[in-house]
Each structure stands twice: as C-alpha cells, then as structure tokens.
Protein backbone atom coordinates (compact mmCIF):
# COMPACT_ATOMS: atom_id res chain seq x y z
CA UNK A 1 119.65 87.36 99.21
CA UNK A 2 115.99 86.85 100.07
CA UNK A 3 116.06 89.97 102.25
CA UNK A 4 116.64 92.19 99.22
CA UNK A 5 113.11 91.54 97.96
CA UNK A 6 111.63 92.61 101.30
CA UNK A 7 113.86 95.69 101.42
CA UNK A 8 112.89 96.63 97.86
CA UNK A 9 109.17 96.26 98.57
CA UNK A 10 109.46 98.24 101.81
CA UNK A 11 111.39 101.00 100.04
CA UNK A 12 108.76 101.24 97.32
CA UNK A 13 105.98 101.47 99.90
CA UNK A 14 107.84 104.23 101.75
CA UNK A 15 108.54 106.24 98.60
CA UNK A 16 104.95 105.97 97.36
CA UNK A 17 103.58 106.74 100.82
CA UNK A 18 105.65 109.94 101.12
CA UNK A 19 103.72 111.55 98.29
CA UNK A 20 100.35 110.52 99.69
CA UNK A 21 100.93 111.53 103.31
CA UNK A 22 100.32 115.10 104.41
CA UNK A 23 101.48 114.93 108.01
CA UNK A 24 102.01 118.18 109.86
CA UNK A 25 102.52 119.38 113.38
CA UNK A 26 99.82 121.57 114.91
CA UNK A 27 101.78 124.82 114.55
CA UNK A 28 102.63 124.14 110.93
CA UNK A 29 99.02 123.27 110.25
CA UNK A 30 97.82 126.56 111.77
CA UNK A 31 100.25 128.57 109.64
CA UNK A 32 99.27 126.68 106.51
CA UNK A 33 95.56 127.16 107.14
CA UNK A 34 96.04 130.91 107.46
CA UNK A 35 98.15 130.95 104.27
CA UNK A 36 95.57 128.94 102.37
CA UNK A 37 92.89 131.45 103.35
CA UNK A 38 95.12 134.13 101.83
CA UNK A 39 95.45 132.10 98.63
CA UNK A 40 99.06 130.95 99.09
CA UNK A 41 98.82 127.22 98.44
CA UNK A 42 102.39 126.68 97.19
CA UNK A 43 103.89 127.28 100.65
CA UNK A 44 101.81 124.45 102.09
CA UNK A 45 103.16 121.94 99.61
CA UNK A 46 106.71 123.09 100.31
CA UNK A 47 106.27 122.70 104.05
CA UNK A 48 104.75 119.22 103.59
CA UNK A 49 107.72 118.15 101.49
CA UNK A 50 110.12 119.56 104.09
CA UNK A 51 108.40 117.65 106.88
CA UNK A 52 108.59 114.42 104.89
CA UNK A 53 112.28 115.02 104.17
CA UNK A 54 113.03 115.63 107.85
CA UNK A 55 111.06 112.50 108.78
CA UNK A 56 112.74 110.28 106.14
CA UNK A 57 116.40 111.06 106.90
CA UNK A 58 116.54 109.35 110.34
CA UNK A 59 114.98 106.19 108.88
CA UNK A 60 117.52 106.21 106.08
CA UNK A 61 120.39 106.58 108.55
CA UNK A 62 119.05 103.81 110.79
CA UNK A 63 118.69 101.55 107.77
CA UNK A 64 122.28 102.21 106.70
CA UNK A 65 123.61 101.51 110.21
CA UNK A 66 121.53 98.34 110.39
CA UNK A 67 122.85 97.18 107.02
CA UNK A 68 126.47 97.68 108.04
CA UNK A 69 125.89 95.94 111.37
CA UNK A 70 124.26 93.00 109.55
CA UNK A 71 127.13 92.83 107.08
CA UNK A 72 129.67 92.89 109.92
CA UNK A 73 127.74 90.17 111.78
CA UNK A 74 127.65 87.94 108.68
CA UNK A 75 131.40 88.44 108.13
CA UNK A 76 132.32 87.57 111.71
CA UNK A 77 129.98 84.58 111.84
CA UNK A 78 131.46 83.17 108.61
CA UNK A 79 134.97 83.53 110.06
CA UNK A 80 133.94 81.63 113.19
CA UNK A 81 132.49 78.79 111.11
CA UNK A 82 135.82 78.22 109.34
C-alpha cells in the first residue's frame, strides 16, 4: 500500500513535466524553425504534443506490465507462505 503514494507522486511529476518539456529531434526542430519563421506557430505545438505522446506510451506500457508482474509475484509468494 505504501507504493501507491510513490506511484501517485511519480505520475503527477510526469504529467506536469510533459507540459513543460519541449523535446524534439533535430529534423523536427529544423522543420519547426522554418515554420515559425513563416508565422505558423500552431504546428510546432502540435508536433511537440505528438512527440510527448509517442514518448509517454512506452512508459505507460512498461508500468502496466510491471504492475501485473508485481501482482503475480505477490499472489504466488502468498500461496507459498500458506
């Protein structure tokens, strides 16, 4: 039960950090810089959100797999104790 607090805090940090981070690859950055010179700023925000979405999904999947493995481990260890 004490792990839920750590998971909640980590999730909040990740969700708040997604909005603050503007990570881009070099090719995306070059395209965005040329678009911003043309006055198209909305495309840059869309690409940033897409990059964050693509980056977040693998972490979410790994977290789900880890949770189910932990739950399975706890179940099997409680059966061995009986």
